[in-house]
Amino acid sequence: MDEVLWNKSGNPVVERNLLASYLIANLTIGNCDMHARNTGILIDKNAVQLTPAYDVVPTATWEQHDT
Protein backbone atom coordinates (compact mmCIF):
# COMPACT_ATOMS: atom_id res chain seq x y z
CA MET A 1 0.00 0.00 0.00
CA ASP A 2 2.87 2.37 0.75
CA GLU A 3 4.10 2.09 -2.84
CA VAL A 4 0.63 2.81 -4.22
CA LEU A 5 0.29 5.88 -2.01
CA TRP A 6 3.73 7.09 -3.02
CA ASN A 7 3.21 6.62 -6.75
CA LYS A 8 -0.49 7.34 -7.21
CA SER A 9 -1.64 9.86 -4.60
CA GLY A 10 -1.98 13.58 -5.15
CA ASN A 11 0.01 14.27 -1.99
CA PRO A 12 2.16 11.23 -1.17
CA VAL A 13 3.90 12.69 1.87
CA VAL A 14 0.60 13.48 3.59
CA GLU A 15 -0.89 10.08 2.72
CA ARG A 16 2.16 8.16 3.93
CA ASN A 17 2.21 10.14 7.16
CA LEU A 18 -1.48 9.36 7.65
CA LEU A 19 -0.82 5.65 7.10
CA ALA A 20 1.98 5.78 9.67
CA SER A 21 -0.37 7.56 12.07
CA TYR A 22 -2.97 4.80 11.64
CA LEU A 23 -0.36 2.16 12.43
CA ILE A 24 0.98 4.01 15.47
CA ALA A 25 -2.53 4.65 16.81
CA ASN A 26 -3.42 0.96 16.50
CA LEU A 27 -0.24 -0.10 18.26
CA THR A 28 -0.78 2.48 21.00
CA ILE A 29 -4.33 1.39 21.85
CA GLY A 30 -3.51 -2.31 21.60
CA ASN A 31 -5.42 -3.24 18.47
CA CYS A 32 -4.05 -6.74 17.94
CA ASP A 33 -6.52 -7.31 15.09
CA MET A 34 -5.13 -4.63 12.75
CA HIS A 35 -4.53 -5.97 9.25
CA ALA A 36 -4.49 -4.73 5.66
CA ARG A 37 -8.23 -5.27 5.18
CA ASN A 38 -8.80 -2.57 7.81
CA THR A 39 -7.07 -0.01 5.64
CA GLY A 40 -8.72 1.23 2.49
CA ILE A 41 -7.94 3.53 -0.38
CA LEU A 42 -10.26 5.72 -2.38
CA ILE A 43 -9.60 6.02 -6.10
CA ASP A 44 -10.80 9.29 -7.54
CA LYS A 45 -9.84 10.61 -10.97
CA ASN A 46 -6.71 8.44 -11.18
CA ALA A 47 -5.44 9.54 -7.76
CA VAL A 48 -5.67 7.59 -4.52
CA GLN A 49 -6.02 8.57 -0.90
CA LEU A 50 -6.53 6.71 2.34
CA THR A 51 -10.04 6.24 3.61
CA PRO A 52 -10.86 7.10 7.22
CA ALA A 53 -9.66 4.57 9.78
CA TYR A 54 -12.15 1.89 10.76
CA ASP A 55 -12.34 -1.24 12.92
CA VAL A 56 -10.05 0.42 15.45
CA VAL A 57 -10.69 -1.57 18.62
CA PRO A 58 -8.40 -2.03 21.65
CA THR A 59 -8.52 -5.83 21.47
CA ALA A 60 -5.64 -6.29 23.91
CA THR A 61 -8.04 -5.39 26.73
CA TRP A 62 -9.84 -8.73 26.29
CA GLU A 63 -8.04 -11.63 27.93
CA GLN A 64 -9.43 -14.23 25.52
CA HIS A 65 -8.18 -12.40 22.44
CA ASP A 66 -5.00 -13.71 20.82
CA THR A 67 -2.33 -10.99 20.97
PDB file of N, CA and C in Angstrom:
ATOM      1  N   MET A   1       0.823  -1.184   0.000  1.00  0.00           N
ATOM      2  CA  MET A   1       0.000   0.000   0.000  1.00  0.00           C
ATOM      3  C   MET A   1       0.871   1.253   0.000  1.00  0.00           C
ATOM      4  N   ASP A   2       1.980   1.203   0.691  1.00  0.00           N
ATOM      5  CA  ASP A   2       2.869   2.366   0.749  1.00  0.00           C
ATOM      6  C   ASP A   2       3.322   2.777  -0.649  1.00  0.00           C
ATOM      7  N   GLU A   3       3.649   1.796  -1.483  1.00  0.00           N
ATOM      8  CA  GLU A   3       4.097   2.093  -2.840  1.00  0.00           C
ATOM      9  C   GLU A   3       2.971   2.724  -3.668  1.00  0.00           C
ATOM     10  N   VAL A   4       1.770   2.231  -3.505  1.00  0.00           N
ATOM     11  CA  VAL A   4       0.629   2.805  -4.222  1.00  0.00           C
ATOM     12  C   VAL A   4       0.417   4.251  -3.795  1.00  0.00           C
ATOM     13  N   LEU A   5       0.468   4.503  -2.487  1.00  0.00           N
ATOM     14  CA  LEU A   5       0.293   5.879  -2.006  1.00  0.00           C
ATOM     15  C   LEU A   5       1.399   6.792  -2.534  1.00  0.00           C
ATOM     16  N   TRP A   6       2.602   6.270  -2.563  1.00  0.00           N
ATOM     17  CA  TRP A   6       3.731   7.094  -3.017  1.00  0.00           C
ATOM     18  C   TRP A   6       3.627   7.420  -4.503  1.00  0.00           C
ATOM     19  N   ASN A   7       3.218   6.441  -5.299  1.00  0.00           N
ATOM     20  CA  ASN A   7       3.206   6.621  -6.754  1.00  0.00           C
ATOM     21  C   ASN A   7       1.911   7.178  -7.320  1.00  0.00           C
ATOM     22  N   LYS A   8       0.803   7.013  -6.614  1.00  0.00           N
ATOM     23  CA  LYS A   8      -0.494   7.342  -7.208  1.00  0.00           C
ATOM     24  C   LYS A   8      -1.286   8.425  -6.479  1.00  0.00           C
ATOM     25  N   SER A   9      -0.841   8.873  -5.316  1.00  0.00           N
ATOM     26  CA  SER A   9      -1.642   9.861  -4.595  1.00  0.00           C
ATOM     27  C   SER A   9      -1.287  11.277  -5.038  1.00  0.00           C
ATOM     28  N   GLY A  10      -2.218  12.186  -4.813  1.00  0.00           N
ATOM     29  CA  GLY A  10      -1.981  13.583  -5.154  1.00  0.00           C
ATOM     30  C   GLY A  10      -0.987  14.240  -4.213  1.00  0.00           C
ATOM     31  N   ASN A  11      -0.904  13.728  -2.984  1.00  0.00           N
ATOM     32  CA  ASN A  11       0.014  14.272  -1.991  1.00  0.00           C
ATOM     33  C   ASN A  11       0.628  13.109  -1.209  1.00  0.00           C
ATOM     34  N   PRO A  12       1.638  12.461  -1.770  1.00  0.00           N
ATOM     35  CA  PRO A  12       2.157  11.231  -1.171  1.00  0.00           C
ATOM     36  C   PRO A  12       2.726  11.389   0.227  1.00  0.00           C
ATOM     37  N   VAL A  13       3.318  12.512   0.532  1.00  0.00           N
ATOM     38  CA  VAL A  13       3.898  12.690   1.867  1.00  0.00           C
ATOM     39  C   VAL A  13       2.787  12.701   2.918  1.00  0.00           C
ATOM     40  N   VAL A  14       1.719  13.413   2.651  1.00  0.00           N
ATOM     41  CA  VAL A  14       0.597  13.476   3.586  1.00  0.00           C
ATOM     42  C   VAL A  14      -0.040  12.100   3.752  1.00  0.00           C
ATOM     43  N   GLU A  15      -0.252  11.400   2.656  1.00  0.00           N
ATOM     44  CA  GLU A  15      -0.890  10.080   2.720  1.00  0.00           C
ATOM     45  C   GLU A  15      -0.015   9.065   3.451  1.00  0.00           C
ATOM     46  N   ARG A  16       1.266   9.088   3.227  1.00  0.00           N
ATOM     47  CA  ARG A  16       2.164   8.158   3.925  1.00  0.00           C
ATOM     48  C   ARG A  16       2.230   8.480   5.412  1.00  0.00           C
ATOM     49  N   ASN A  17       2.224   9.757   5.744  1.00  0.00           N
ATOM     50  CA  ASN A  17       2.210  10.140   7.160  1.00  0.00           C
ATOM     51  C   ASN A  17       0.908   9.708   7.827  1.00  0.00           C
ATOM     52  N   LEU A  18      -0.197   9.804   7.110  1.00  0.00           N
ATOM     53  CA  LEU A  18      -1.477   9.360   7.651  1.00  0.00           C
ATOM     54  C   LEU A  18      -1.472   7.851   7.869  1.00  0.00           C
ATOM     55  N   LEU A  19      -0.926   7.102   6.936  1.00  0.00           N
ATOM     56  CA  LEU A  19      -0.822   5.654   7.100  1.00  0.00           C
ATOM     57  C   LEU A  19       0.032   5.317   8.326  1.00  0.00           C
ATOM     58  N   ALA A  20       1.140   5.999   8.497  1.00  0.00           N
ATOM     59  CA  ALA A  20       1.983   5.778   9.672  1.00  0.00           C
ATOM     60  C   ALA A  20       1.221   6.126  10.950  1.00  0.00           C
ATOM     61  N   SER A  21       0.429   7.179  10.911  1.00  0.00           N
ATOM     62  CA  SER A  21      -0.373   7.561  12.075  1.00  0.00           C
ATOM     63  C   SER A  21      -1.387   6.487  12.424  1.00  0.00           C
ATOM     64  N   TYR A  22      -2.026   5.897  11.399  1.00  0.00           N
ATOM     65  CA  TYR A  22      -2.966   4.802  11.641  1.00  0.00           C
ATOM     66  C   TYR A  22      -2.270   3.641  12.341  1.00  0.00           C
ATOM     67  N   LEU A  23      -1.094   3.288  11.851  1.00  0.00           N
ATOM     68  CA  LEU A  23      -0.362   2.160  12.431  1.00  0.00           C
ATOM     69  C   LEU A  23       0.055   2.449  13.869  1.00  0.00           C
ATOM     70  N   ILE A  24       0.560   3.636  14.113  1.00  0.00           N
ATOM     71  CA  ILE A  24       0.980   4.011  15.469  1.00  0.00           C
ATOM     72  C   ILE A  24      -0.209   4.050  16.419  1.00  0.00           C
ATOM     73  N   ALA A  25      -1.335   4.594  15.966  1.00  0.00           N
ATOM     74  CA  ALA A  25      -2.532   4.647  16.807  1.00  0.00           C
ATOM     75  C   ALA A  25      -2.999   3.248  17.183  1.00  0.00           C
ATOM     76  N   ASN A  26      -2.997   2.332  16.219  1.00  0.00           N
ATOM     77  CA  ASN A  26      -3.421   0.963  16.501  1.00  0.00           C
ATOM     78  C   ASN A  26      -2.478   0.266  17.467  1.00  0.00           C
ATOM     79  N   LEU A  27      -1.200   0.477  17.313  1.00  0.00           N
ATOM     80  CA  LEU A  27      -0.238  -0.097  18.260  1.00  0.00           C
ATOM     81  C   LEU A  27      -0.426   0.495  19.650  1.00  0.00           C
ATOM     82  N   THR A  28      -0.656   1.784  19.723  1.00  0.00           N
ATOM     83  CA  THR A  28      -0.782   2.476  20.997  1.00  0.00           C
ATOM     84  C   THR A  28      -1.993   2.007  21.797  1.00  0.00           C
ATOM     85  N   ILE A  29      -3.123   1.797  21.112  1.00  0.00           N
ATOM     86  CA  ILE A  29      -4.327   1.386  21.846  1.00  0.00           C
ATOM     87  C   ILE A  29      -4.405  -0.119  22.057  1.00  0.00           C
ATOM     88  N   GLY A  30      -3.506  -0.861  21.442  1.00  0.00           N
ATOM     89  CA  GLY A  30      -3.505  -2.312  21.602  1.00  0.00           C
ATOM     90  C   GLY A  30      -4.477  -3.021  20.680  1.00  0.00           C
ATOM     91  N   ASN A  31      -4.568  -2.573  19.451  1.00  0.00           N
ATOM     92  CA  ASN A  31      -5.424  -3.240  18.469  1.00  0.00           C
ATOM     93  C   ASN A  31      -4.633  -4.384  17.847  1.00  0.00           C
ATOM     94  N   CYS A  32      -4.790  -5.566  18.413  1.00  0.00           N
ATOM     95  CA  CYS A  32      -4.053  -6.742  17.942  1.00  0.00           C
ATOM     96  C   CYS A  32      -4.705  -7.370  16.714  1.00  0.00           C
ATOM     97  N   ASP A  33      -5.800  -6.778  16.242  1.00  0.00           N
ATOM     98  CA  ASP A  33      -6.517  -7.308  15.087  1.00  0.00           C
ATOM     99  C   ASP A  33      -6.345  -6.407  13.865  1.00  0.00           C
ATOM    100  N   MET A  34      -5.365  -5.528  13.879  1.00  0.00           N
ATOM    101  CA  MET A  34      -5.131  -4.629  12.747  1.00  0.00           C
ATOM    102  C   MET A  34      -4.501  -5.423  11.609  1.00  0.00           C
ATOM    103  N   HIS A  35      -5.071  -5.307  10.419  1.00  0.00           N
ATOM    104  CA  HIS A  35      -4.532  -5.971   9.246  1.00  0.00           C
ATOM    105  C   HIS A  35      -4.870  -5.145   8.016  1.00  0.00           C
ATOM    106  N   ALA A  36      -4.360  -5.527   6.881  1.00  0.00           N
ATOM    107  CA  ALA A  36      -4.495  -4.727   5.662  1.00  0.00           C
ATOM    108  C   ALA A  36      -5.946  -4.523   5.243  1.00  0.00           C
ATOM    109  N   ARG A  37      -6.824  -5.448   5.567  1.00  0.00           N
ATOM    110  CA  ARG A  37      -8.234  -5.274   5.183  1.00  0.00           C
ATOM    111  C   ARG A  37      -8.894  -4.142   5.967  1.00  0.00           C
ATOM    112  N   ASN A  38      -8.261  -3.682   7.024  1.00  0.00           N
ATOM    113  CA  ASN A  38      -8.804  -2.569   7.806  1.00  0.00           C
ATOM    114  C   ASN A  38      -8.292  -1.229   7.305  1.00  0.00           C
ATOM    115  N   THR A  39      -7.586  -1.235   6.221  1.00  0.00           N
ATOM    116  CA  THR A  39      -7.068  -0.006   5.635  1.00  0.00           C
ATOM    117  C   THR A  39      -7.537   0.051   4.193  1.00  0.00           C
ATOM    118  N   GLY A  40      -8.188   1.132   3.839  1.00  0.00           N
ATOM    119  CA  GLY A  40      -8.720   1.232   2.491  1.00  0.00           C
ATOM    120  C   GLY A  40      -8.189   2.445   1.757  1.00  0.00           C
ATOM    121  N   ILE A  41      -8.310   2.382   0.439  1.00  0.00           N
ATOM    122  CA  ILE A  41      -7.940   3.530  -0.381  1.00  0.00           C
ATOM    123  C   ILE A  41      -9.123   3.915  -1.253  1.00  0.00           C
ATOM    124  N   LEU A  42      -9.225   5.179  -1.517  1.00  0.00           N
ATOM    125  CA  LEU A  42     -10.259   5.722  -2.382  1.00  0.00           C
ATOM    126  C   LEU A  42      -9.596   6.141  -3.682  1.00  0.00           C
ATOM    127  N   ILE A  43     -10.133   5.658  -4.787  1.00  0.00           N
ATOM    128  CA  ILE A  43      -9.595   6.018  -6.095  1.00  0.00           C
ATOM    129  C   ILE A  43     -10.534   7.046  -6.707  1.00  0.00           C
ATOM    130  N   ASP A  44      -9.992   8.209  -6.996  1.00  0.00           N
ATOM    131  CA  ASP A  44     -10.800   9.295  -7.537  1.00  0.00           C
ATOM    132  C   ASP A  44     -10.014  10.012  -8.623  1.00  0.00           C
ATOM    133  N   LYS A  45     -10.482   9.937  -9.838  1.00  0.00           N
ATOM    134  CA  LYS A  45      -9.844  10.607 -10.969  1.00  0.00           C
ATOM    135  C   LYS A  45      -8.360  10.260 -11.081  1.00  0.00           C
ATOM    136  N   ASN A  46      -8.072   8.973 -11.018  1.00  0.00           N
ATOM    137  CA  ASN A  46      -6.714   8.442 -11.180  1.00  0.00           C
ATOM    138  C   ASN A  46      -5.755   8.806 -10.050  1.00  0.00           C
ATOM    139  N   ALA A  47      -6.274   9.298  -8.938  1.00  0.00           N
ATOM    140  CA  ALA A  47      -5.443   9.544  -7.759  1.00  0.00           C
ATOM    141  C   ALA A  47      -6.032   8.739  -6.601  1.00  0.00           C
ATOM    142  N   VAL A  48      -5.199   8.359  -5.673  1.00  0.00           N
ATOM    143  CA  VAL A  48      -5.668   7.591  -4.525  1.00  0.00           C
ATOM    144  C   VAL A  48      -5.426   8.365  -3.242  1.00  0.00           C
ATOM    145  N   GLN A  49      -6.239   8.034  -2.245  1.00  0.00           N
ATOM    146  CA  GLN A  49      -6.018   8.574  -0.901  1.00  0.00           C
ATOM    147  C   GLN A  49      -6.544   7.558   0.097  1.00  0.00           C
ATOM    148  N   LEU A  50      -6.064   7.625   1.310  1.00  0.00           N
ATOM    149  CA  LEU A  50      -6.527   6.711   2.338  1.00  0.00           C
ATOM    150  C   LEU A  50      -7.955   7.053   2.737  1.00  0.00           C
ATOM    151  N   THR A  51      -8.713   6.020   3.049  1.00  0.00           N
ATOM    152  CA  THR A  51     -10.042   6.236   3.610  1.00  0.00           C
ATOM    153  C   THR A  51      -9.894   6.465   5.115  1.00  0.00           C
ATOM    154  N   PRO A  52     -10.942   6.958   5.760  1.00  0.00           N
ATOM    155  CA  PRO A  52     -10.864   7.101   7.218  1.00  0.00           C
ATOM    156  C   PRO A  52     -10.599   5.748   7.889  1.00  0.00           C
ATOM    157  N   ALA A  53      -9.961   5.797   9.033  1.00  0.00           N
ATOM    158  CA  ALA A  53      -9.659   4.575   9.779  1.00  0.00           C
ATOM    159  C   ALA A  53     -10.956   3.923  10.252  1.00  0.00           C
ATOM    160  N   TYR A  54     -10.988   2.603  10.245  1.00  0.00           N
ATOM    161  CA  TYR A  54     -12.149   1.886  10.759  1.00  0.00           C
ATOM    162  C   TYR A  54     -11.704   0.587  11.407  1.00  0.00           C
ATOM    163  N   ASP A  55     -12.614  -0.017  12.170  1.00  0.00           N
ATOM    164  CA  ASP A  55     -12.335  -1.241  12.923  1.00  0.00           C
ATOM    165  C   ASP A  55     -11.140  -1.043  13.849  1.00  0.00           C
ATOM    166  N   VAL A  56     -11.119   0.098  14.506  1.00  0.00           N
ATOM    167  CA  VAL A  56     -10.051   0.423  15.446  1.00  0.00           C
ATOM    168  C   VAL A  56     -10.577   0.103  16.845  1.00  0.00           C
ATOM    169  N   VAL A  57     -10.169  -1.057  17.355  1.00  0.00           N
ATOM    170  CA  VAL A  57     -10.694  -1.567  18.619  1.00  0.00           C
ATOM    171  C   VAL A  57      -9.516  -2.007  19.489  1.00  0.00           C
ATOM    172  N   PRO A  58      -9.498  -1.617  20.768  1.00  0.00           N
ATOM    173  CA  PRO A  58      -8.398  -2.032  21.655  1.00  0.00           C
ATOM    174  C   PRO A  58      -8.556  -3.485  22.100  1.00  0.00           C
ATOM    175  N   THR A  59      -8.284  -4.413  21.202  1.00  0.00           N
ATOM    176  CA  THR A  59      -8.525  -5.833  21.474  1.00  0.00           C
ATOM    177  C   THR A  59      -7.639  -6.405  22.580  1.00  0.00           C
ATOM    178  N   ALA A  60      -6.533  -5.772  22.869  1.00  0.00           N
ATOM    179  CA  ALA A  60      -5.643  -6.290  23.912  1.00  0.00           C
ATOM    180  C   ALA A  60      -6.287  -6.227  25.291  1.00  0.00           C
ATOM    181  N   THR A  61      -7.375  -5.495  25.430  1.00  0.00           N
ATOM    182  CA  THR A  61      -8.040  -5.387  26.726  1.00  0.00           C
ATOM    183  C   THR A  61      -8.842  -6.638  27.056  1.00  0.00           C
ATOM    184  N   TRP A  62      -9.102  -7.503  26.061  1.00  0.00           N
ATOM    185  CA  TRP A  62      -9.843  -8.731  26.290  1.00  0.00           C
ATOM    186  C   TRP A  62      -8.881  -9.882  26.482  1.00  0.00           C
ATOM    187  N   GLU A  63      -8.970 -10.552  27.614  1.00  0.00           N
ATOM    188  CA  GLU A  63      -8.044 -11.631  27.930  1.00  0.00           C
ATOM    189  C   GLU A  63      -8.098 -12.775  26.933  1.00  0.00           C
ATOM    190  N   GLN A  64      -9.284 -13.072  26.408  1.00  0.00           N
ATOM    191  CA  GLN A  64      -9.427 -14.234  25.520  1.00  0.00           C
ATOM    192  C   GLN A  64      -8.938 -13.946  24.107  1.00  0.00           C
ATOM    193  N   HIS A  65      -8.611 -12.717  23.798  1.00  0.00           N
ATOM    194  CA  HIS A  65      -8.180 -12.400  22.435  1.00  0.00           C
ATOM    195  C   HIS A  65      -6.705 -12.740  22.256  1.00  0.00           C
ATOM    196  N   ASP A  66      -6.376 -13.333  21.129  1.00  0.00           N
ATOM    197  CA  ASP A  66      -4.999 -13.710  20.819  1.00  0.00           C
ATOM    198  C   ASP A  66      -4.199 -12.446  20.486  1.00  0.00           C
ATOM    199  N   THR A  67      -3.167 -12.178  21.228  1.00  0.00           N
ATOM    200  CA  THR A  67      -2.333 -10.992  20.973  1.00  0.00           C
ATOM    201  C   THR A  67      -1.133 -11.362  20.129  1.00  0.00           C
TER     202      THR A  67
END
